[in-house]
């Protein structure tokens, strides 16, 4: 079973190709997903896609926990929580 190991080593969120990551946006911001970073481990990328985090989907960051992790996002008519390490793999645009 996958234990999330690769996430622990990822530093502060900075997505590739000049796009910020979902982890970097402020609460209240709505963005469009550009894609999932290719460096995301396969199981992580699959989970994100199964949750609806796909190119072209609009996402609203509702709030962040008091210590900054996890955060609550609204997409496709439902709310979900993601840890900062997971959100760091999702590239977004304004």
Protein backbone atom coordinates (compact mmCIF):
# COMPACT_ATOMS: atom_id res chain seq x y z
CA UNK A 1 0.00 0.00 0.00
CA UNK A 2 1.24 3.47 -0.87
CA UNK A 3 2.19 5.51 2.23
CA UNK A 4 2.52 9.04 0.79
CA UNK A 5 6.31 8.90 1.03
CA UNK A 6 7.16 11.03 -2.02
CA UNK A 7 5.06 13.89 -0.67
CA UNK A 8 7.18 14.32 2.41
CA UNK A 9 10.23 15.36 0.43
CA UNK A 10 8.49 17.99 -1.70
CA UNK A 11 9.40 21.51 -0.66
CA UNK A 12 7.32 24.68 -0.91
CA UNK A 13 4.78 24.55 -3.70
CA UNK A 14 5.92 26.01 -7.01
CA UNK A 15 4.38 24.47 -10.07
CA UNK A 16 6.16 24.27 -13.40
CA UNK A 17 5.70 26.24 -16.65
CA UNK A 18 5.18 29.54 -14.85
CA UNK A 19 1.78 28.57 -13.44
CA UNK A 20 1.20 28.80 -9.69
CA UNK A 21 0.04 25.71 -7.86
CA UNK A 22 -3.34 25.31 -6.18
CA UNK A 23 -1.48 25.32 -2.85
CA UNK A 24 -0.31 28.90 -3.48
CA UNK A 25 -3.66 30.62 -3.99
CA UNK A 26 -5.37 32.55 -1.20
CA UNK A 27 -8.70 31.63 0.38
CA UNK A 28 -11.58 33.08 -1.63
CA UNK A 29 -9.74 32.85 -4.96
CA UNK A 30 -11.27 30.97 -7.88
CA UNK A 31 -8.92 29.54 -10.50
CA UNK A 32 -8.95 27.18 -13.47
CA UNK A 33 -6.87 24.02 -13.48
CA UNK A 34 -4.18 23.98 -16.16
CA UNK A 35 -3.07 20.43 -15.37
CA UNK A 36 -1.46 18.06 -12.90
CA UNK A 37 2.33 18.35 -12.66
CA UNK A 38 4.13 15.49 -14.40
CA UNK A 39 6.34 15.00 -11.34
CA UNK A 40 3.31 13.80 -9.33
CA UNK A 41 3.62 10.11 -8.42
CA UNK A 42 1.18 7.96 -10.41
CA UNK A 43 -1.14 7.11 -7.49
CA UNK A 44 -1.32 10.79 -6.50
CA UNK A 45 -2.09 11.97 -10.04
CA UNK A 46 -4.74 9.26 -10.40
CA UNK A 47 -6.39 10.20 -7.10
CA UNK A 48 -6.48 13.89 -8.03
CA UNK A 49 -8.07 13.12 -11.41
CA UNK A 50 -10.63 10.81 -9.77
CA UNK A 51 -11.56 13.64 -7.41
CA UNK A 52 -12.19 15.90 -10.44
CA UNK A 53 -8.97 17.91 -10.50
CA UNK A 54 -8.65 17.97 -14.30
CA UNK A 55 -7.72 20.56 -16.91
CA UNK A 56 -10.38 23.22 -17.40
CA UNK A 57 -12.20 22.64 -14.09
CA UNK A 58 -12.85 25.76 -11.98
CA UNK A 59 -11.81 25.51 -8.31
CA UNK A 60 -12.62 27.84 -5.42
CA UNK A 61 -10.41 27.78 -2.32
CA UNK A 62 -12.87 28.12 0.55
CA UNK A 63 -10.64 28.11 3.61
CA UNK A 64 -7.46 26.81 5.17
CA UNK A 65 -7.07 25.11 8.55
CA UNK A 66 -5.66 27.32 11.33
CA UNK A 67 -2.13 25.94 10.92
CA UNK A 68 -2.29 26.21 7.12
CA UNK A 69 -2.96 22.58 6.23
CA UNK A 70 -5.25 21.10 4.90
CA UNK A 71 -7.39 23.45 2.79
CA UNK A 72 -10.98 23.09 1.59
CA UNK A 73 -11.73 23.48 -2.12
CA UNK A 74 -15.02 23.58 -4.04
CA UNK A 75 -15.19 22.04 -7.51
CA UNK A 76 -17.81 20.31 -9.63
CA UNK A 77 -20.51 21.03 -7.03
CA UNK A 78 -18.82 19.50 -3.99
CA UNK A 79 -16.25 20.42 -1.32
CA UNK A 80 -13.10 18.44 -0.63
CA UNK A 81 -9.96 18.81 1.47
CA UNK A 82 -6.43 18.52 0.14
CA UNK A 83 -3.14 18.66 1.95
CA UNK A 84 -0.71 21.29 0.73
CA UNK A 85 1.54 18.54 -0.68
CA UNK A 86 -1.31 17.28 -2.86
CA UNK A 87 -2.41 20.74 -3.98
CA UNK A 88 1.19 21.56 -4.94
CA UNK A 89 0.92 19.18 -7.90
CA UNK A 90 -2.09 21.02 -9.41
CA UNK A 91 -1.15 23.85 -11.79
CA UNK A 92 -3.68 26.69 -12.05
CA UNK A 93 -4.31 29.96 -13.86
CA UNK A 94 -6.26 33.07 -12.80
